[in-house]
Amino acid sequence: MYNYFTLLDDLQEILILLRSLPICTIVFNKNADIIDINNAASDFLKIRDIKEYTSRKLKLEVDSQFHTITEGLQKGETTGNVTFEFKRPDHSSVSVHLNASLFYGLKDVFIFQFSEIEPQNQTKN
């Protein structure tokens, strides 16, 4: 039982650190339910915080790419700087650079860290 509570304490400390990161950070479970989210990701999703997300019963739209990434992570693969089409709760889509991994070694919990890909300026000749 001691190990269980030690793990919970460690996870809480990690989540506190993640909330302060300037890069968008979301911790998901395998069903794409958000476990925790930092301020940068809240702004990106256009929600105030995880409480608003939960109370509005929002659900991120996931596609085969999400499942491919999470299944790969469960098999020990790594995901670094891939382009990922992120669907916000308001149904808008945006491309992001994504880094993903298992969260603290838990097989059904994932951490996604990402930044929006800025549209490139098109110059006219």
C-alpha atoms as a PDB file:
ATOM      1  CA  MET A   1       0.000   0.000   0.000  1.00  0.00           C
ATOM      2  CA  TYR A   2       2.898   2.361   0.694  1.00  0.00           C
ATOM      3  CA  ASN A   3       4.035   2.153  -2.929  1.00  0.00           C
ATOM      4  CA  TYR A   4       0.557   3.065  -4.174  1.00  0.00           C
ATOM      5  CA  PHE A   5       0.431   6.246  -2.098  1.00  0.00           C
ATOM      6  CA  THR A   6       4.002   7.117  -3.022  1.00  0.00           C
ATOM      7  CA  LEU A   7       3.027   6.805  -6.700  1.00  0.00           C
ATOM      8  CA  LEU A   8       0.022   9.087  -6.174  1.00  0.00           C
ATOM      9  CA  ASP A   9       2.209  11.681  -4.460  1.00  0.00           C
ATOM     10  CA  ASP A  10       4.748  11.501  -7.289  1.00  0.00           C
ATOM     11  CA  LEU A  11       2.020  11.893  -9.917  1.00  0.00           C
ATOM     12  CA  GLN A  12       0.544  14.906  -8.139  1.00  0.00           C
ATOM     13  CA  GLU A  13       3.951  16.574  -8.050  1.00  0.00           C
ATOM     14  CA  ILE A  14       4.482  15.871 -11.745  1.00  0.00           C
ATOM     15  CA  LEU A  15       1.040  17.232 -12.640  1.00  0.00           C
ATOM     16  CA  ILE A  16       1.782  20.430 -10.716  1.00  0.00           C
ATOM     17  CA  LEU A  17       4.993  20.868 -12.724  1.00  0.00           C
ATOM     18  CA  LEU A  18       3.240  20.151 -16.029  1.00  0.00           C
ATOM     19  CA  ARG A  19       0.631  22.834 -15.353  1.00  0.00           C
ATOM     20  CA  SER A  20       3.351  25.487 -15.330  1.00  0.00           C
ATOM     21  CA  LEU A  21       4.942  24.546 -18.673  1.00  0.00           C
ATOM     22  CA  PRO A  22       4.635  27.086 -21.500  1.00  0.00           C
ATOM     23  CA  ILE A  23       4.008  24.345 -24.102  1.00  0.00           C
ATOM     24  CA  CYS A  24       0.515  22.890 -24.452  1.00  0.00           C
ATOM     25  CA  THR A  25       0.345  19.767 -22.297  1.00  0.00           C
ATOM     26  CA  ILE A  26      -2.584  17.377 -21.946  1.00  0.00           C
ATOM     27  CA  VAL A  27      -2.695  14.124 -20.008  1.00  0.00           C
ATOM     28  CA  PHE A  28      -5.232  11.671 -21.506  1.00  0.00           C
ATOM     29  CA  ASN A  29      -6.479   8.215 -20.780  1.00  0.00           C
ATOM     30  CA  LYS A  30      -6.930   5.619 -23.526  1.00  0.00           C
ATOM     31  CA  ASN A  31     -10.504   6.846 -24.169  1.00  0.00           C
ATOM     32  CA  ALA A  32      -9.241  10.377 -24.893  1.00  0.00           C
ATOM     33  CA  ASP A  33     -10.685  11.645 -21.607  1.00  0.00           C
ATOM     34  CA  ILE A  34      -8.585  14.506 -20.304  1.00  0.00           C
ATOM     35  CA  ILE A  35      -7.077  13.765 -16.903  1.00  0.00           C
ATOM     36  CA  ASP A  36      -5.202  17.038 -16.597  1.00  0.00           C
ATOM     37  CA  ILE A  37      -4.402  20.054 -18.719  1.00  0.00           C
ATOM     38  CA  ASN A  38      -2.144  23.071 -18.350  1.00  0.00           C
ATOM     39  CA  ASN A  39      -2.952  26.741 -18.998  1.00  0.00           C
ATOM     40  CA  ALA A  40      -1.403  26.799 -22.463  1.00  0.00           C
ATOM     41  CA  ALA A  41      -3.547  23.845 -23.554  1.00  0.00           C
ATOM     42  CA  SER A  42      -6.668  25.366 -21.954  1.00  0.00           C
ATOM     43  CA  ASP A  43      -6.114  28.492 -24.035  1.00  0.00           C
ATOM     44  CA  PHE A  44      -5.520  26.360 -27.123  1.00  0.00           C
ATOM     45  CA  LEU A  45      -8.777  24.418 -26.555  1.00  0.00           C
ATOM     46  CA  LYS A  46     -10.611  27.660 -25.779  1.00  0.00           C
ATOM     47  CA  ILE A  47     -11.741  26.534 -22.325  1.00  0.00           C
ATOM     48  CA  ARG A  48     -11.043  28.039 -18.904  1.00  0.00           C
ATOM     49  CA  ASP A  49      -9.849  24.854 -17.187  1.00  0.00           C
ATOM     50  CA  ILE A  50     -10.425  21.140 -16.721  1.00  0.00           C
ATOM     51  CA  LYS A  51     -13.524  21.849 -14.601  1.00  0.00           C
ATOM     52  CA  GLU A  52     -15.218  23.637 -17.512  1.00  0.00           C
ATOM     53  CA  TYR A  53     -14.207  20.828 -19.844  1.00  0.00           C
ATOM     54  CA  THR A  54     -15.704  18.226 -17.509  1.00  0.00           C
ATOM     55  CA  SER A  55     -18.847  20.176 -16.595  1.00  0.00           C
ATOM     56  CA  ARG A  56     -19.691  20.816 -20.244  1.00  0.00           C
ATOM     57  CA  LYS A  57     -19.130  17.110 -20.917  1.00  0.00           C
ATOM     58  CA  LEU A  58     -16.878  18.014 -23.797  1.00  0.00           C
ATOM     59  CA  LYS A  59     -15.079  15.269 -25.600  1.00  0.00           C
ATOM     60  CA  LEU A  60     -12.126  15.652 -27.892  1.00  0.00           C
ATOM     61  CA  GLU A  61     -12.740  14.176 -31.288  1.00  0.00           C
ATOM     62  CA  VAL A  62     -10.194  11.487 -31.933  1.00  0.00           C
ATOM     63  CA  ASP A  63      -9.399   9.748 -35.158  1.00  0.00           C
ATOM     64  CA  SER A  64      -7.340   6.825 -36.310  1.00  0.00           C
ATOM     65  CA  GLN A  65      -4.134   8.860 -35.924  1.00  0.00           C
ATOM     66  CA  PHE A  66      -4.802   9.272 -32.181  1.00  0.00           C
ATOM     67  CA  HIS A  67      -5.377   5.536 -31.813  1.00  0.00           C
ATOM     68  CA  THR A  68      -2.295   4.711 -33.881  1.00  0.00           C
ATOM     69  CA  ILE A  69      -0.158   6.943 -31.670  1.00  0.00           C
ATOM     70  CA  THR A  70      -1.547   5.643 -28.364  1.00  0.00           C
ATOM     71  CA  GLU A  71      -1.390   1.998 -29.449  1.00  0.00           C
ATOM     72  CA  GLY A  72       2.217   2.513 -30.530  1.00  0.00           C
ATOM     73  CA  LEU A  73       3.067   4.072 -27.185  1.00  0.00           C
ATOM     74  CA  GLN A  74       1.554   1.090 -25.390  1.00  0.00           C
ATOM     75  CA  LYS A  75       3.858  -1.157 -27.432  1.00  0.00           C
ATOM     76  CA  GLY A  76       6.917   0.851 -26.407  1.00  0.00           C
ATOM     77  CA  GLU A  77       7.234   3.013 -29.516  1.00  0.00           C
ATOM     78  CA  THR A  78       8.036   6.695 -29.222  1.00  0.00           C
ATOM     79  CA  THR A  79       6.371   9.623 -30.912  1.00  0.00           C
ATOM     80  CA  GLY A  80       8.407  12.736 -31.505  1.00  0.00           C
ATOM     81  CA  ASN A  81       7.588  15.871 -33.437  1.00  0.00           C
ATOM     82  CA  VAL A  82       4.928  14.421 -35.692  1.00  0.00           C
ATOM     83  CA  THR A  83       2.315  16.557 -37.404  1.00  0.00           C
ATOM     84  CA  PHE A  84      -1.053  15.866 -35.828  1.00  0.00           C
ATOM     85  CA  GLU A  85      -4.449  17.251 -36.758  1.00  0.00           C
ATOM     86  CA  PHE A  86      -5.993  18.345 -33.471  1.00  0.00           C
ATOM     87  CA  LYS A  87      -9.749  18.779 -33.253  1.00  0.00           C
ATOM     88  CA  ARG A  88     -10.930  21.242 -30.647  1.00  0.00           C
ATOM     89  CA  PRO A  89     -14.203  20.840 -28.728  1.00  0.00           C
ATOM     90  CA  ASP A  90     -15.724  23.586 -30.926  1.00  0.00           C
ATOM     91  CA  HIS A  91     -15.043  21.269 -33.926  1.00  0.00           C
ATOM     92  CA  SER A  92     -12.340  23.486 -35.404  1.00  0.00           C
ATOM     93  CA  SER A  93      -9.163  21.734 -36.515  1.00  0.00           C
ATOM     94  CA  VAL A  94      -5.588  22.855 -36.308  1.00  0.00           C
ATOM     95  CA  SER A  95      -2.270  21.235 -37.164  1.00  0.00           C
ATOM     96  CA  VAL A  96       0.241  20.850 -34.367  1.00  0.00           C
ATOM     97  CA  HIS A  97       3.743  19.500 -33.811  1.00  0.00           C
ATOM     98  CA  LEU A  98       3.205  16.698 -31.314  1.00  0.00           C
ATOM     99  CA  ASN A  99       5.419  14.822 -28.905  1.00  0.00           C
ATOM    100  CA  ALA A 100       3.708  12.014 -27.015  1.00  0.00           C
ATOM    101  CA  SER A 101       4.660   9.416 -24.462  1.00  0.00           C
ATOM    102  CA  LEU A 102       3.264   7.190 -21.767  1.00  0.00           C
ATOM    103  CA  PHE A 103       2.655   9.203 -18.637  1.00  0.00           C
ATOM    104  CA  TYR A 104       4.931   8.025 -15.846  1.00  0.00           C
ATOM    105  CA  GLY A 105       5.074   4.558 -17.403  1.00  0.00           C
ATOM    106  CA  LEU A 106       1.326   3.950 -17.043  1.00  0.00           C
ATOM    107  CA  LYS A 107       0.100   1.888 -20.022  1.00  0.00           C
ATOM    108  CA  ASP A 108      -3.302   3.602 -20.370  1.00  0.00           C
ATOM    109  CA  VAL A 109      -2.307   7.199 -19.624  1.00  0.00           C
ATOM    110  CA  PHE A 110      -0.611   9.419 -22.194  1.00  0.00           C
ATOM    111  CA  ILE A 111       0.959  12.838 -22.199  1.00  0.00           C
ATOM    112  CA  PHE A 112       0.691  14.938 -25.348  1.00  0.00           C
ATOM    113  CA  GLN A 113       2.800  18.059 -25.633  1.00  0.00           C
ATOM    114  CA  PHE A 114       2.302  20.164 -28.714  1.00  0.00           C
ATOM    115  CA  SER A 115       2.580  23.531 -30.372  1.00  0.00           C
ATOM    116  CA  GLU A 116       0.448  24.921 -33.136  1.00  0.00           C
ATOM    117  CA  ILE A 117       1.948  24.997 -36.603  1.00  0.00           C
ATOM    118  CA  GLU A 118       1.850  28.571 -37.752  1.00  0.00           C
ATOM    119  CA  PRO A 119       0.422  29.058 -41.225  1.00  0.00           C
ATOM    120  CA  GLN A 120       3.216  29.971 -43.569  1.00  0.00           C
ATOM    121  CA  ASN A 121       3.048  33.374 -45.160  1.00  0.00           C
ATOM    122  CA  GLN A 122       2.534  33.064 -48.869  1.00  0.00           C
ATOM    123  CA  THR A 123       4.389  35.591 -50.938  1.00  0.00           C
ATOM    124  CA  LYS A 124       3.097  36.758 -54.248  1.00  0.00           C
ATOM    125  CA  ASN A 125       5.449  37.415 -57.111  1.00  0.00           C
END
